[in-house]
Amino acid sequence: MADVNLAVIYYSSTGTNYELAKWAEEAGKEAGANVKVVRVPELAPEEAIASNPAWKEHLEATKDVPEATSDDIEWADALLFSMPTRFGNLPAQMKQFLDEQGGLWANGKTVNKVVSGMTSAQNPHGGQEATILSLYTSMAHWGAIIVPPGYSDQSIFAGGGNPYGTSASQGQDGNIVEDVEAAVKHQAKRLVDVATWVKNGQQ
């Protein structure tokens, strides 16, 4: 049995997707994976960040989390992406990071990476499914193996029932509305399981 390297790559403005990423990290380690949690670089101008106290506070609180690089993708057998939705699509920060991986893609370094995605929005129908599907479109171009949670565990239903990936709604108080922790952990463990099968099958 080969050890699986799991990179949890997230973007979070006010903390929701960071929380999802930390739950995924915990589950990945419990499943026996070597886990990195890394954040994609912030692109927003300082004045935009300063206009939202929660955004500024979260950025300061997570400044020591390593920034994601191409090396993290090359290192990983499994990739779990977590990001908020922006108008039903990937946030610019995550899209920029993916767009920068052309070198890896051109050299076949993204082929057979085992991937899954999670997201959040302000309300349950705020574009979560479209955001994850947008991620998976890019992953298809990468030649990655996409592993959605589907309805493979009851926690998916408790977490809102999104078969493409865990999706969370952020309440007015800033907290997550649904009970998604178990869904996140199931998704992360499932990803590690499939990555293990793929990696062992390649040896």
N, C-alpha and C. Protein backbone atom coordinates (compact mmCIF):
# COMPACT_ATOMS: atom_id res chain seq x y z
N MET A 1 0.84 -1.20 0.00
CA MET A 1 0.00 0.00 0.00
C MET A 1 0.88 1.25 0.00
N ALA A 2 0.70 2.07 -1.02
CA ALA A 2 1.49 3.30 -1.13
C ALA A 2 0.82 4.43 -0.36
N ASP A 3 1.63 5.27 0.29
CA ASP A 3 1.09 6.45 0.95
C ASP A 3 0.57 7.42 -0.11
N VAL A 4 -0.55 8.04 0.21
CA VAL A 4 -1.16 9.02 -0.69
C VAL A 4 -0.86 10.42 -0.18
N ASN A 5 -0.46 11.30 -1.09
CA ASN A 5 -0.26 12.72 -0.77
C ASN A 5 -1.50 13.49 -1.16
N LEU A 6 -2.11 14.15 -0.20
CA LEU A 6 -3.32 14.94 -0.42
C LEU A 6 -3.02 16.41 -0.22
N ALA A 7 -3.26 17.22 -1.25
CA ALA A 7 -3.16 18.67 -1.13
C ALA A 7 -4.56 19.26 -1.08
N VAL A 8 -4.87 19.93 0.01
CA VAL A 8 -6.13 20.65 0.14
C VAL A 8 -5.83 22.10 -0.23
N ILE A 9 -6.32 22.51 -1.39
CA ILE A 9 -6.01 23.83 -1.93
C ILE A 9 -7.27 24.68 -1.85
N TYR A 10 -7.22 25.77 -1.10
CA TYR A 10 -8.44 26.53 -0.87
C TYR A 10 -8.23 28.02 -1.12
N TYR A 11 -9.35 28.69 -1.36
CA TYR A 11 -9.41 30.14 -1.27
C TYR A 11 -10.57 30.49 -0.35
N SER A 12 -10.34 31.40 0.56
CA SER A 12 -11.38 31.81 1.50
C SER A 12 -11.23 33.28 1.80
N SER A 13 -12.31 34.04 1.67
CA SER A 13 -12.23 35.46 2.00
C SER A 13 -12.55 35.72 3.47
N THR A 14 -13.61 35.08 3.98
CA THR A 14 -13.99 35.34 5.37
C THR A 14 -13.92 34.12 6.28
N GLY A 15 -13.49 32.97 5.74
CA GLY A 15 -13.20 31.84 6.62
C GLY A 15 -13.97 30.56 6.41
N THR A 16 -15.07 30.60 5.66
CA THR A 16 -15.88 29.39 5.49
C THR A 16 -15.09 28.27 4.83
N ASN A 17 -14.44 28.57 3.72
CA ASN A 17 -13.71 27.52 3.00
C ASN A 17 -12.43 27.11 3.71
N TYR A 18 -11.89 27.97 4.53
CA TYR A 18 -10.77 27.58 5.38
C TYR A 18 -11.23 26.53 6.38
N GLU A 19 -12.43 26.73 6.93
CA GLU A 19 -12.97 25.76 7.87
C GLU A 19 -13.21 24.41 7.18
N LEU A 20 -13.76 24.45 5.96
CA LEU A 20 -13.94 23.21 5.21
C LEU A 20 -12.59 22.53 4.97
N ALA A 21 -11.59 23.32 4.63
CA ALA A 21 -10.26 22.77 4.35
C ALA A 21 -9.66 22.10 5.59
N LYS A 22 -9.87 22.69 6.75
CA LYS A 22 -9.32 22.11 7.98
C LYS A 22 -10.02 20.81 8.33
N TRP A 23 -11.34 20.73 8.11
CA TRP A 23 -12.03 19.46 8.32
C TRP A 23 -11.51 18.39 7.36
N ALA A 24 -11.27 18.79 6.13
CA ALA A 24 -10.73 17.85 5.13
C ALA A 24 -9.34 17.38 5.53
N GLU A 25 -8.54 18.29 6.04
CA GLU A 25 -7.19 17.92 6.50
C GLU A 25 -7.28 16.86 7.59
N GLU A 26 -8.17 17.07 8.54
CA GLU A 26 -8.33 16.13 9.65
C GLU A 26 -8.73 14.74 9.12
N ALA A 27 -9.68 14.72 8.21
CA ALA A 27 -10.16 13.44 7.67
C ALA A 27 -9.09 12.77 6.82
N GLY A 28 -8.36 13.56 6.04
CA GLY A 28 -7.30 13.00 5.22
C GLY A 28 -6.23 12.32 6.06
N LYS A 29 -5.86 12.95 7.14
CA LYS A 29 -4.86 12.36 8.04
C LYS A 29 -5.40 11.10 8.70
N GLU A 30 -6.68 11.13 9.09
CA GLU A 30 -7.29 9.94 9.68
C GLU A 30 -7.30 8.78 8.69
N ALA A 31 -7.40 9.11 7.39
CA ALA A 31 -7.41 8.08 6.35
C ALA A 31 -6.01 7.62 5.98
N GLY A 32 -4.99 8.18 6.61
CA GLY A 32 -3.62 7.74 6.40
C GLY A 32 -2.84 8.51 5.36
N ALA A 33 -3.38 9.61 4.87
CA ALA A 33 -2.70 10.39 3.84
C ALA A 33 -1.71 11.37 4.45
N ASN A 34 -0.72 11.74 3.65
CA ASN A 34 0.13 12.89 3.97
C ASN A 34 -0.59 14.12 3.44
N VAL A 35 -0.88 15.08 4.29
CA VAL A 35 -1.77 16.17 3.91
C VAL A 35 -1.08 17.53 4.03
N LYS A 36 -1.27 18.35 3.00
CA LYS A 36 -0.89 19.76 3.02
C LYS A 36 -2.15 20.59 2.86
N VAL A 37 -2.29 21.65 3.63
CA VAL A 37 -3.34 22.64 3.41
C VAL A 37 -2.65 23.92 2.95
N VAL A 38 -3.01 24.37 1.76
CA VAL A 38 -2.37 25.57 1.19
C VAL A 38 -3.45 26.48 0.61
N ARG A 39 -3.18 27.78 0.64
CA ARG A 39 -4.16 28.75 0.16
C ARG A 39 -3.66 29.39 -1.13
N VAL A 40 -4.58 29.66 -2.03
CA VAL A 40 -4.17 30.35 -3.25
C VAL A 40 -3.98 31.84 -2.92
N PRO A 41 -3.11 32.52 -3.64
CA PRO A 41 -2.82 33.92 -3.32
C PRO A 41 -4.04 34.83 -3.46
N GLU A 42 -4.10 35.81 -2.59
CA GLU A 42 -5.16 36.82 -2.65
C GLU A 42 -4.84 37.83 -3.76
N LEU A 43 -5.84 38.15 -4.55
CA LEU A 43 -5.66 39.10 -5.65
C LEU A 43 -6.40 40.42 -5.43
N ALA A 44 -7.33 40.43 -4.50
CA ALA A 44 -8.18 41.61 -4.32
C ALA A 44 -7.35 42.79 -3.82
N PRO A 45 -7.71 44.01 -4.24
CA PRO A 45 -6.99 45.20 -3.77
C PRO A 45 -7.23 45.43 -2.28
N GLU A 46 -6.26 46.06 -1.66
CA GLU A 46 -6.32 46.27 -0.21
C GLU A 46 -7.57 47.04 0.20
N GLU A 47 -8.01 47.99 -0.63
CA GLU A 47 -9.18 48.77 -0.24
C GLU A 47 -10.44 47.92 -0.21
N ALA A 48 -10.53 46.92 -1.10
CA ALA A 48 -11.68 46.02 -1.08
C ALA A 48 -11.67 45.16 0.17
N ILE A 49 -10.50 44.66 0.53
CA ILE A 49 -10.38 43.83 1.73
C ILE A 49 -10.68 44.65 2.98
N ALA A 50 -10.17 45.87 3.02
CA ALA A 50 -10.36 46.73 4.19
C ALA A 50 -11.81 47.13 4.38
N SER A 51 -12.59 47.10 3.30
CA SER A 51 -14.00 47.49 3.40
C SER A 51 -14.86 46.44 4.09
N ASN A 52 -14.32 45.22 4.25
CA ASN A 52 -15.04 44.13 4.90
C ASN A 52 -14.22 43.65 6.09
N PRO A 53 -14.60 44.02 7.31
CA PRO A 53 -13.79 43.67 8.48
C PRO A 53 -13.54 42.17 8.62
N ALA A 54 -14.54 41.35 8.28
CA ALA A 54 -14.37 39.89 8.40
C ALA A 54 -13.32 39.38 7.42
N TRP A 55 -13.29 39.95 6.24
CA TRP A 55 -12.31 39.58 5.22
C TRP A 55 -10.90 39.94 5.69
N LYS A 56 -10.75 41.17 6.15
CA LYS A 56 -9.45 41.64 6.63
C LYS A 56 -8.97 40.80 7.82
N GLU A 57 -9.89 40.50 8.72
CA GLU A 57 -9.54 39.73 9.91
C GLU A 57 -9.09 38.31 9.53
N HIS A 58 -9.83 37.69 8.60
CA HIS A 58 -9.47 36.33 8.21
C HIS A 58 -8.13 36.29 7.47
N LEU A 59 -7.88 37.26 6.62
CA LEU A 59 -6.62 37.30 5.89
C LEU A 59 -5.45 37.42 6.86
N GLU A 60 -5.61 38.23 7.87
CA GLU A 60 -4.56 38.41 8.87
C GLU A 60 -4.37 37.12 9.69
N ALA A 61 -5.50 36.47 10.03
CA ALA A 61 -5.44 35.28 10.87
C ALA A 61 -4.79 34.09 10.17
N THR A 62 -4.84 34.07 8.84
CA THR A 62 -4.31 32.92 8.09
C THR A 62 -3.05 33.26 7.29
N LYS A 63 -2.39 34.34 7.65
CA LYS A 63 -1.21 34.78 6.89
C LYS A 63 -0.07 33.77 6.94
N ASP A 64 -0.09 32.89 7.94
CA ASP A 64 0.98 31.90 8.05
C ASP A 64 0.68 30.60 7.31
N VAL A 65 -0.52 30.48 6.76
CA VAL A 65 -0.83 29.30 5.94
C VAL A 65 -0.02 29.42 4.64
N PRO A 66 0.71 28.40 4.25
CA PRO A 66 1.54 28.51 3.04
C PRO A 66 0.69 28.77 1.79
N GLU A 67 1.24 29.56 0.87
CA GLU A 67 0.57 29.79 -0.40
C GLU A 67 0.80 28.61 -1.32
N ALA A 68 -0.24 28.26 -2.08
CA ALA A 68 -0.18 27.14 -3.00
C ALA A 68 0.75 27.45 -4.17
N THR A 69 1.48 26.44 -4.62
CA THR A 69 2.37 26.57 -5.76
C THR A 69 2.18 25.36 -6.67
N SER A 70 2.80 25.42 -7.83
CA SER A 70 2.78 24.27 -8.75
C SER A 70 3.43 23.05 -8.12
N ASP A 71 4.39 23.27 -7.25
CA ASP A 71 5.05 22.14 -6.58
C ASP A 71 4.05 21.32 -5.75
N ASP A 72 3.06 21.98 -5.17
CA ASP A 72 2.07 21.27 -4.37
C ASP A 72 1.24 20.34 -5.25
N ILE A 73 0.90 20.80 -6.43
CA ILE A 73 0.13 19.96 -7.35
C ILE A 73 0.97 18.78 -7.82
N GLU A 74 2.22 19.04 -8.14
CA GLU A 74 3.09 17.95 -8.61
C GLU A 74 3.31 16.93 -7.50
N TRP A 75 3.40 17.38 -6.26
CA TRP A 75 3.61 16.50 -5.11
C TRP A 75 2.40 15.62 -4.84
N ALA A 76 1.22 16.15 -5.08
CA ALA A 76 -0.02 15.50 -4.66
C ALA A 76 -0.44 14.37 -5.59
N ASP A 77 -0.98 13.32 -4.97
CA ASP A 77 -1.71 12.29 -5.71
C ASP A 77 -3.18 12.68 -5.80
N ALA A 78 -3.66 13.34 -4.76
CA ALA A 78 -5.06 13.76 -4.67
C ALA A 78 -5.12 15.25 -4.37
N LEU A 79 -6.07 15.92 -5.00
CA LEU A 79 -6.27 17.36 -4.84
C LEU A 79 -7.71 17.61 -4.44
N LEU A 80 -7.89 18.31 -3.34
CA LEU A 80 -9.24 18.72 -2.92
C LEU A 80 -9.27 20.24 -2.92
N PHE A 81 -10.06 20.81 -3.82
CA PHE A 81 -10.17 22.25 -3.95
C PHE A 81 -11.40 22.74 -3.19
N SER A 82 -11.26 23.87 -2.50
CA SER A 82 -12.39 24.46 -1.79
C SER A 82 -12.38 25.97 -2.01
N MET A 83 -13.50 26.50 -2.44
CA MET A 83 -13.56 27.93 -2.77
C MET A 83 -15.00 28.41 -2.73
N PRO A 84 -15.23 29.70 -2.48
CA PRO A 84 -16.57 30.25 -2.57
C PRO A 84 -17.01 30.39 -4.02
N THR A 85 -18.30 30.56 -4.22
CA THR A 85 -18.81 30.83 -5.56
C THR A 85 -18.84 32.33 -5.81
N ARG A 86 -18.54 32.70 -7.03
CA ARG A 86 -18.64 34.10 -7.46
C ARG A 86 -19.50 34.14 -8.72
N PHE A 87 -20.74 34.55 -8.55
CA PHE A 87 -21.68 34.59 -9.68
C PHE A 87 -21.76 33.22 -10.36
N GLY A 88 -21.81 32.16 -9.56
CA GLY A 88 -21.94 30.82 -10.10
C GLY A 88 -20.69 30.28 -10.75
N ASN A 89 -19.56 30.84 -10.40
CA ASN A 89 -18.31 30.42 -11.03
C ASN A 89 -17.19 30.45 -10.01
N LEU A 90 -15.99 30.03 -10.44
CA LEU A 90 -14.84 30.07 -9.56
C LEU A 90 -14.45 31.51 -9.24
N PRO A 91 -14.00 31.78 -8.02
CA PRO A 91 -13.48 33.10 -7.73
C PRO A 91 -12.21 33.34 -8.54
N ALA A 92 -11.93 34.60 -8.83
CA ALA A 92 -10.77 34.95 -9.65
C ALA A 92 -9.48 34.39 -9.08
N GLN A 93 -9.39 34.35 -7.76
CA GLN A 93 -8.16 33.88 -7.12
C GLN A 93 -7.88 32.42 -7.48
N MET A 94 -8.92 31.58 -7.41
CA MET A 94 -8.73 30.16 -7.74
C MET A 94 -8.52 29.98 -9.24
N LYS A 95 -9.27 30.73 -10.05
CA LYS A 95 -9.13 30.60 -11.49
C LYS A 95 -7.72 31.01 -11.92
N GLN A 96 -7.20 32.07 -11.35
CA GLN A 96 -5.84 32.51 -11.67
C GLN A 96 -4.84 31.41 -11.33
N PHE A 97 -5.00 30.80 -10.17
CA PHE A 97 -4.08 29.74 -9.76
C PHE A 97 -4.13 28.58 -10.75
N LEU A 98 -5.33 28.17 -11.14
CA LEU A 98 -5.45 27.07 -12.10
C LEU A 98 -4.83 27.46 -13.44
N ASP A 99 -5.08 28.69 -13.87
CA ASP A 99 -4.57 29.14 -15.16
C ASP A 99 -3.04 29.17 -15.19
N GLU A 100 -2.42 29.29 -14.03
CA GLU A 100 -0.96 29.35 -13.96
C GLU A 100 -0.30 27.98 -14.08
N GLN A 101 -1.12 26.93 -14.16
CA GLN A 101 -0.55 25.57 -14.18
C GLN A 101 -0.34 25.03 -15.59
N GLY A 102 -0.28 25.93 -16.57
CA GLY A 102 -0.09 25.50 -17.95
C GLY A 102 1.19 24.70 -18.16
N GLY A 103 2.24 25.04 -17.43
CA GLY A 103 3.49 24.31 -17.55
C GLY A 103 3.36 22.88 -17.10
N LEU A 104 2.71 22.68 -15.96
CA LEU A 104 2.48 21.31 -15.48
C LEU A 104 1.63 20.53 -16.47
N TRP A 105 0.55 21.17 -16.92
CA TRP A 105 -0.36 20.53 -17.87
C TRP A 105 0.37 20.13 -19.15
N ALA A 106 1.19 21.04 -19.69
CA ALA A 106 1.89 20.78 -20.95
C ALA A 106 2.87 19.63 -20.84
N ASN A 107 3.35 19.39 -19.62
CA ASN A 107 4.30 18.31 -19.40
C ASN A 107 3.66 17.04 -18.83
N GLY A 108 2.32 17.00 -18.88
CA GLY A 108 1.61 15.80 -18.44
C GLY A 108 1.60 15.58 -16.94
N LYS A 109 1.92 16.64 -16.17
CA LYS A 109 2.02 16.48 -14.72
C LYS A 109 0.67 16.53 -14.00
N THR A 110 -0.39 16.87 -14.73
CA THR A 110 -1.72 16.90 -14.10
C THR A 110 -2.54 15.65 -14.42
N VAL A 111 -2.03 14.82 -15.31
CA VAL A 111 -2.77 13.62 -15.73
C VAL A 111 -2.87 12.62 -14.57
N ASN A 112 -4.07 12.12 -14.36
CA ASN A 112 -4.37 11.10 -13.34
C ASN A 112 -4.26 11.60 -11.91
N LYS A 113 -4.18 12.91 -11.71
CA LYS A 113 -4.39 13.43 -10.37
C LYS A 113 -5.85 13.14 -10.01
N VAL A 114 -6.09 12.73 -8.79
CA VAL A 114 -7.45 12.40 -8.35
C VAL A 114 -8.00 13.63 -7.63
N VAL A 115 -9.11 14.18 -8.11
CA VAL A 115 -9.55 15.50 -7.64
C VAL A 115 -11.01 15.52 -7.21
N SER A 116 -11.32 16.46 -6.33
CA SER A 116 -12.68 16.71 -5.91
C SER A 116 -12.79 18.17 -5.50
N GLY A 117 -14.03 18.69 -5.39
CA GLY A 117 -14.21 20.09 -5.09
C GLY A 117 -15.30 20.35 -4.07
N MET A 118 -15.14 21.45 -3.32
CA MET A 118 -16.13 21.91 -2.34
C MET A 118 -16.31 23.41 -2.54
N THR A 119 -17.44 23.93 -2.06
CA THR A 119 -17.68 25.36 -2.24
C THR A 119 -18.65 25.89 -1.19
N SER A 120 -18.88 27.20 -1.26
CA SER A 120 -19.83 27.85 -0.36
C SER A 120 -20.44 29.05 -1.08
N ALA A 121 -21.58 29.48 -0.58
CA ALA A 121 -22.23 30.70 -1.06
C ALA A 121 -23.10 31.22 0.07
N GLN A 122 -23.70 32.38 -0.17
CA GLN A 122 -24.49 33.00 0.89
C GLN A 122 -25.81 32.29 1.12
N ASN A 123 -26.32 31.59 0.10
CA ASN A 123 -27.59 30.87 0.26
C ASN A 123 -27.52 29.55 -0.49
N PRO A 124 -28.45 28.62 -0.21
CA PRO A 124 -28.36 27.27 -0.76
C PRO A 124 -28.41 27.20 -2.29
N HIS A 125 -29.01 28.19 -2.93
CA HIS A 125 -29.10 28.17 -4.39
C HIS A 125 -28.29 29.32 -4.99
N GLY A 126 -27.13 29.57 -4.39
CA GLY A 126 -26.31 30.69 -4.81
C GLY A 126 -25.24 30.35 -5.83
N GLY A 127 -25.38 29.21 -6.51
CA GLY A 127 -24.44 28.86 -7.56
C GLY A 127 -23.43 27.80 -7.19
N GLN A 128 -23.66 27.10 -6.06
CA GLN A 128 -22.66 26.12 -5.61
C GLN A 128 -22.41 25.02 -6.64
N GLU A 129 -23.48 24.44 -7.17
CA GLU A 129 -23.30 23.34 -8.12
C GLU A 129 -22.55 23.81 -9.36
N ALA A 130 -22.91 24.99 -9.88
CA ALA A 130 -22.25 25.51 -11.08
C ALA A 130 -20.77 25.78 -10.82
N THR A 131 -20.45 26.23 -9.62
CA THR A 131 -19.05 26.51 -9.29
C THR A 131 -18.22 25.24 -9.31
N ILE A 132 -18.72 24.18 -8.68
CA ILE A 132 -17.96 22.93 -8.66
C ILE A 132 -17.86 22.34 -10.06
N LEU A 133 -18.94 22.44 -10.84
CA LEU A 133 -18.89 21.93 -12.21
C LEU A 133 -17.90 22.72 -13.07
N SER A 134 -17.77 24.02 -12.79
CA SER A 134 -16.76 24.81 -13.49
C SER A 134 -15.35 24.32 -13.17
N LEU A 135 -15.12 23.99 -11.91
CA LEU A 135 -13.84 23.42 -11.52
C LEU A 135 -13.60 22.11 -12.28
N TYR A 136 -14.63 21.26 -12.32
CA TYR A 136 -14.46 19.96 -12.95
C TYR A 136 -14.23 20.07 -14.46
N THR A 137 -14.73 21.12 -15.09
CA THR A 137 -14.41 21.34 -16.50
C THR A 137 -12.91 21.50 -16.69
N SER A 138 -12.30 22.32 -15.85
CA SER A 138 -10.84 22.49 -15.92
C SER A 138 -10.12 21.18 -15.62
N MET A 139 -10.64 20.42 -14.67
CA MET A 139 -9.99 19.17 -14.30
C MET A 139 -10.06 18.14 -15.44
N ALA A 140 -11.12 18.18 -16.22
CA ALA A 140 -11.21 17.31 -17.38
C ALA A 140 -10.10 17.64 -18.37
N HIS A 141 -9.83 18.93 -18.57
CA HIS A 141 -8.74 19.34 -19.45
C HIS A 141 -7.39 18.89 -18.89
N TRP A 142 -7.29 18.81 -17.58
CA TRP A 142 -6.05 18.35 -16.95
C TRP A 142 -5.83 16.85 -17.14
N GLY A 143 -6.87 16.12 -17.50
CA GLY A 143 -6.76 14.67 -17.55
C GLY A 143 -6.84 14.06 -16.16
N ALA A 144 -7.43 14.80 -15.24
CA ALA A 144 -7.55 14.33 -13.86
C ALA A 144 -8.71 13.34 -13.73
N ILE A 145 -8.70 12.60 -12.65
CA ILE A 145 -9.77 11.67 -12.33
C ILE A 145 -10.67 12.34 -11.31
N ILE A 146 -11.88 12.69 -11.72
CA ILE A 146 -12.80 13.47 -10.88
C ILE A 146 -13.59 12.53 -9.99
N VAL A 147 -13.57 12.81 -8.69
CA VAL A 147 -14.24 11.96 -7.71
C VAL A 147 -15.25 12.79 -6.92
N PRO A 148 -16.50 12.86 -7.39
CA PRO A 148 -17.54 13.55 -6.63
C PRO A 148 -18.04 12.64 -5.51
N PRO A 149 -18.61 13.19 -4.46
CA PRO A 149 -19.13 12.33 -3.39
C PRO A 149 -20.39 11.58 -3.80
N GLY A 150 -21.14 12.12 -4.78
CA GLY A 150 -22.41 11.48 -5.13
C GLY A 150 -23.30 11.39 -3.90
N TYR A 151 -24.03 10.28 -3.81
CA TYR A 151 -24.84 10.01 -2.61
C TYR A 151 -24.30 8.76 -1.93
N SER A 152 -22.99 8.76 -1.74
CA SER A 152 -22.30 7.58 -1.22
C SER A 152 -22.33 7.48 0.30
N ASP A 153 -22.96 8.45 0.97
CA ASP A 153 -23.03 8.42 2.43
C ASP A 153 -24.19 9.31 2.88
N GLN A 154 -24.80 8.94 4.00
CA GLN A 154 -25.94 9.71 4.50
C GLN A 154 -25.57 11.14 4.87
N SER A 155 -24.30 11.37 5.18
CA SER A 155 -23.86 12.73 5.55
C SER A 155 -24.06 13.71 4.40
N ILE A 156 -24.08 13.22 3.17
CA ILE A 156 -24.29 14.10 2.01
C ILE A 156 -25.66 14.76 2.10
N PHE A 157 -26.66 13.99 2.51
CA PHE A 157 -28.02 14.52 2.62
C PHE A 157 -28.11 15.55 3.74
N ALA A 158 -27.49 15.26 4.87
CA ALA A 158 -27.51 16.19 6.00
C ALA A 158 -26.78 17.49 5.66
N GLY A 159 -25.80 17.38 4.76
CA GLY A 159 -25.02 18.55 4.38
C GLY A 159 -25.60 19.34 3.23
N GLY A 160 -26.83 19.03 2.81
CA GLY A 160 -27.47 19.80 1.75
C GLY A 160 -27.73 19.02 0.48
N GLY A 161 -27.12 17.83 0.35
CA GLY A 161 -27.45 16.94 -0.75
C GLY A 161 -26.82 17.25 -2.09
N ASN A 162 -25.69 17.96 -2.12
CA ASN A 162 -25.04 18.26 -3.39
C ASN A 162 -24.16 17.08 -3.80
N PRO A 163 -24.48 16.38 -4.90
CA PRO A 163 -23.70 15.21 -5.29
C PRO A 163 -22.35 15.54 -5.91
N TYR A 164 -22.15 16.80 -6.31
CA TYR A 164 -20.91 17.19 -6.99
C TYR A 164 -19.78 17.46 -6.00
N GLY A 165 -20.15 17.88 -4.80
CA GLY A 165 -19.17 18.19 -3.77
C GLY A 165 -19.86 18.92 -2.63
N THR A 166 -19.26 18.87 -1.47
CA THR A 166 -19.86 19.54 -0.31
C THR A 166 -20.03 21.03 -0.60
N SER A 167 -21.20 21.56 -0.27
CA SER A 167 -21.45 22.99 -0.43
C SER A 167 -22.11 23.52 0.83
N ALA A 168 -21.65 24.66 1.25
CA ALA A 168 -22.11 25.26 2.50
C ALA A 168 -22.74 26.62 2.24
N SER A 169 -23.73 26.95 3.05
CA SER A 169 -24.32 28.28 3.03
C SER A 169 -23.86 29.03 4.27
N GLN A 170 -23.50 30.28 4.09
CA GLN A 170 -23.04 31.10 5.20
C GLN A 170 -24.17 31.99 5.68
N GLY A 171 -24.54 31.85 6.95
CA GLY A 171 -25.61 32.65 7.51
C GLY A 171 -25.20 34.09 7.75
N GLN A 172 -26.16 34.91 8.14
CA GLN A 172 -25.88 36.32 8.40
C GLN A 172 -24.89 36.51 9.54
N ASP A 173 -24.82 35.50 10.43
CA ASP A 173 -23.88 35.60 11.55
C ASP A 173 -22.48 35.13 11.17
N GLY A 174 -22.31 34.72 9.90
CA GLY A 174 -21.01 34.26 9.44
C GLY A 174 -20.76 32.79 9.63
N ASN A 175 -21.68 32.10 10.28
CA ASN A 175 -21.52 30.66 10.51
C ASN A 175 -22.16 29.84 9.40
N ILE A 176 -21.71 28.61 9.26
CA ILE A 176 -22.25 27.70 8.25
C ILE A 176 -23.64 27.23 8.69
N VAL A 177 -24.59 27.28 7.77
CA VAL A 177 -25.98 26.95 8.08
C VAL A 177 -26.17 25.44 8.19
N GLU A 178 -25.70 24.69 7.18
CA GLU A 178 -25.93 23.24 7.16
C GLU A 178 -24.92 22.51 8.05
N ASP A 179 -25.23 21.26 8.32
CA ASP A 179 -24.33 20.40 9.09
C ASP A 179 -23.42 19.68 8.09
N VAL A 180 -22.35 20.36 7.67
CA VAL A 180 -21.53 19.84 6.57
C VAL A 180 -20.23 19.18 7.01
N GLU A 181 -19.90 19.24 8.28
CA GLU A 181 -18.61 18.69 8.71
C GLU A 181 -18.46 17.22 8.32
N ALA A 182 -19.48 16.42 8.60
CA ALA A 182 -19.40 14.99 8.28
C ALA A 182 -19.32 14.77 6.77
N ALA A 183 -20.01 15.60 6.00
CA ALA A 183 -19.97 15.47 4.53
C ALA A 183 -18.58 15.79 4.01
N VAL A 184 -17.96 16.83 4.54
CA VAL A 184 -16.60 17.19 4.15
C VAL A 184 -15.65 16.03 4.45
N LYS A 185 -15.75 15.49 5.65
CA LYS A 185 -14.84 14.42 6.05
C LYS A 185 -15.05 13.16 5.21
N HIS A 186 -16.31 12.86 4.89
CA HIS A 186 -16.58 11.71 4.03
C HIS A 186 -15.98 11.94 2.64
N GLN A 187 -16.16 13.14 2.11
CA GLN A 187 -15.63 13.45 0.78
C GLN A 187 -14.11 13.32 0.75
N ALA A 188 -13.45 13.83 1.78
CA ALA A 188 -11.99 13.76 1.84
C ALA A 188 -11.51 12.31 1.94
N LYS A 189 -12.17 11.53 2.77
CA LYS A 189 -11.78 10.12 2.93
C LYS A 189 -12.03 9.34 1.64
N ARG A 190 -13.14 9.61 1.00
CA ARG A 190 -13.43 8.95 -0.28
C ARG A 190 -12.36 9.30 -1.31
N LEU A 191 -11.96 10.55 -1.34
CA LEU A 191 -10.92 10.98 -2.27
C LEU A 191 -9.61 10.24 -2.02
N VAL A 192 -9.24 10.13 -0.75
CA VAL A 192 -8.01 9.41 -0.39
C VAL A 192 -8.12 7.94 -0.78
N ASP A 193 -9.28 7.33 -0.54
CA ASP A 193 -9.48 5.92 -0.91
C ASP A 193 -9.27 5.71 -2.40
N VAL A 194 -9.91 6.54 -3.21
CA VAL A 194 -9.80 6.37 -4.66
C VAL A 194 -8.37 6.64 -5.13
N ALA A 195 -7.74 7.66 -4.56
CA ALA A 195 -6.34 7.95 -4.91
C ALA A 195 -5.43 6.78 -4.54
N THR A 196 -5.72 6.12 -3.44
CA THR A 196 -4.94 4.95 -3.03
C THR A 196 -5.09 3.83 -4.05
N TRP A 197 -6.33 3.59 -4.49
CA TRP A 197 -6.56 2.54 -5.50
C TRP A 197 -5.81 2.86 -6.78
N VAL A 198 -5.88 4.12 -7.20
CA VAL A 198 -5.20 4.52 -8.43
C VAL A 198 -3.69 4.37 -8.29
N LYS A 199 -3.16 4.85 -7.18
CA LYS A 199 -1.70 4.81 -6.99
C LYS A 199 -1.20 3.37 -6.88
N ASN A 200 -1.92 2.53 -6.15
CA ASN A 200 -1.49 1.13 -6.03
C ASN A 200 -1.61 0.40 -7.35
N GLY A 201 -2.61 0.78 -8.14
CA GLY A 201 -2.80 0.13 -9.44
C GLY A 201 -1.73 0.49 -10.43
N GLN A 202 -1.04 1.62 -10.22
CA GLN A 202 -0.01 2.06 -11.14
C GLN A 202 1.34 1.41 -10.86
N GLN A 203 1.46 0.76 -9.71
CA GLN A 203 2.77 0.22 -9.33
C GLN A 203 2.99 -1.18 -9.92
